[in-house]
Amino acid sequence: VQLVESGGGLVQAGGSLNLSCAASGFPFDNYIMSWYRQTPGTLRTLVAAITPSGGRTNYADAVKGRFTISRDNAKNTIYLQMNDMKREDTAVYYCKGAQNGRPVYWGQGTQVTVSS
């Protein structure tokens, strides 16, 4: 099983980044997929989630209207389009796969840094 995030980096406040998470080794199209983020000394928190079909999404209040989660089940990949970024979006971003009664999978994380 692998979840590999990419697309992180340094961006100026107000800018955009698009994260990707490529999955393999588990039934991706049966899993709820999510993005979490974590800063040093804090717990990992949910940013956005998407249902297996992609028909429903939910977002943390802090990112509503700025971030968009999507998935391509043909490519076993989820995305996080981040617009109008703020310094407080600086964190390590992780993707997660979960489904009731099945193992939970995490990626290794990708660093996102927003400068002022």
Protein backbone atom coordinates (compact mmCIF):
# COMPACT_ATOMS: atom_id res chain seq x y z
CA VAL A 1 0.00 0.00 0.00
CA GLN A 2 1.25 3.45 -0.89
CA LEU A 3 -0.06 7.00 -0.66
CA VAL A 4 2.37 9.46 -2.21
CA GLU A 5 1.73 13.19 -1.88
CA SER A 6 3.29 15.74 -4.20
CA GLY A 7 2.92 19.38 -5.14
CA GLY A 8 3.95 21.04 -1.92
CA GLY A 9 6.39 23.91 -1.76
CA LEU A 10 6.80 27.60 -1.06
CA VAL A 11 4.14 30.07 -2.20
CA GLN A 12 3.42 33.70 -1.45
CA ALA A 13 0.31 34.74 0.42
CA GLY A 14 -2.58 35.03 -2.01
CA GLY A 15 -1.07 32.43 -4.31
CA SER A 16 -2.13 28.90 -5.23
CA LEU A 17 -0.85 25.34 -5.02
CA ASN A 18 -2.33 22.05 -6.19
CA LEU A 19 -1.49 18.96 -4.15
CA SER A 20 -1.79 15.43 -5.48
CA CYS A 21 -1.93 12.08 -3.70
CA ALA A 22 -1.41 8.93 -5.75
CA ALA A 23 -2.68 5.72 -4.17
CA SER A 24 -1.91 2.08 -4.82
CA GLY A 25 -2.36 -1.29 -3.20
CA PHE A 26 -5.90 -0.94 -1.86
CA PRO A 27 -9.43 -0.54 -3.32
CA PHE A 28 -9.17 3.22 -3.79
CA ASP A 29 -12.64 3.70 -5.25
CA ASN A 30 -14.20 2.19 -2.12
CA TYR A 31 -12.43 4.57 0.25
CA ILE A 32 -13.27 7.98 1.65
CA MET A 33 -10.20 10.09 0.95
CA SER A 34 -9.13 13.09 2.97
CA TRP A 35 -6.48 15.75 3.34
CA TYR A 36 -5.16 16.60 6.81
CA ARG A 37 -2.54 19.07 7.91
CA GLN A 38 -0.24 19.38 10.88
CA THR A 39 2.05 22.03 12.32
CA PRO A 40 4.78 21.36 14.90
CA GLY A 41 3.41 20.64 18.35
CA THR A 42 -0.20 20.31 17.23
CA LEU A 43 -2.54 17.50 16.30
CA ARG A 44 -3.22 16.56 12.71
CA THR A 45 -6.50 18.23 11.65
CA LEU A 46 -8.94 17.55 8.84
CA VAL A 47 -8.78 19.94 5.89
CA ALA A 48 -11.16 18.29 3.41
CA ALA A 49 -12.74 14.93 2.62
CA ILE A 50 -14.43 13.34 -0.38
CA THR A 51 -16.69 10.30 -0.68
CA PRO A 52 -15.70 7.28 -2.80
CA SER A 53 -17.77 8.41 -5.79
CA GLY A 54 -16.70 12.03 -5.40
CA GLY A 55 -20.30 13.08 -5.01
CA ARG A 56 -19.93 14.68 -1.61
CA THR A 57 -17.22 16.77 -0.02
CA ASN A 58 -16.71 18.57 3.26
CA TYR A 59 -14.23 21.17 4.38
CA ALA A 60 -12.81 22.69 7.53
CA ASP A 61 -14.26 26.15 8.13
CA ALA A 62 -10.78 27.68 7.77
CA VAL A 63 -10.50 26.62 4.12
CA LYS A 64 -14.09 26.80 2.85
CA GLY A 65 -14.31 28.82 -0.33
CA ARG A 66 -10.53 28.67 -0.91
CA PHE A 67 -9.68 24.96 -1.17
CA THR A 68 -11.24 22.30 -3.39
CA ILE A 69 -10.82 18.55 -3.00
CA SER A 70 -11.37 16.25 -5.97
CA ARG A 71 -10.56 12.72 -7.05
CA ASP A 72 -9.96 10.74 -10.22
CA ASN A 73 -10.80 7.10 -9.55
CA ALA A 74 -9.39 6.06 -12.92
CA LYS A 75 -5.99 7.38 -11.79
CA ASN A 76 -6.30 6.42 -8.09
CA THR A 77 -5.48 10.03 -7.25
CA ILE A 78 -6.92 12.80 -5.14
CA TYR A 79 -6.16 16.49 -5.40
CA LEU A 80 -6.33 19.57 -3.25
CA GLN A 81 -6.50 22.86 -5.11
CA MET A 82 -5.52 25.63 -2.70
CA ASN A 83 -6.25 29.22 -3.67
CA ASP A 84 -5.88 32.57 -1.89
CA MET A 85 -3.44 30.97 0.48
CA LYS A 86 -2.67 32.44 3.88
CA ARG A 87 0.30 32.15 6.22
CA GLU A 88 -1.81 30.03 8.54
CA ASP A 89 -2.07 27.41 5.78
CA THR A 90 1.60 26.60 6.37
CA ALA A 91 1.78 22.96 7.47
CA VAL A 92 2.67 19.45 6.43
CA TYR A 93 -0.24 18.11 4.39
CA TYR A 94 -1.13 14.42 4.51
CA CYS A 95 -3.59 12.36 2.54
CA LYS A 96 -5.58 9.61 4.22
CA GLY A 97 -7.71 6.75 3.03
CA ALA A 98 -10.37 5.30 5.30
CA GLN A 99 -13.47 3.16 5.16
CA ASN A 100 -15.54 1.47 7.88
CA GLY A 101 -14.13 -1.91 8.80
CA ARG A 102 -11.02 -1.52 6.67
CA PRO A 103 -7.44 -0.43 7.44
CA VAL A 104 -6.63 3.26 7.48
CA TYR A 105 -3.79 4.47 5.25
CA TRP A 106 -1.67 7.63 5.46
CA GLY A 107 0.82 9.23 3.13
CA GLN A 108 4.22 10.53 4.21
CA GLY A 109 3.23 14.18 3.95
CA THR A 110 4.28 17.16 1.87
CA GLN A 111 5.42 20.51 3.24
CA VAL A 112 3.49 23.64 2.28
CA THR A 113 4.93 27.00 3.29
CA VAL A 114 3.14 30.30 2.71
CA SER A 115 5.24 33.44 2.95
CA SER A 116 3.96 36.95 3.50
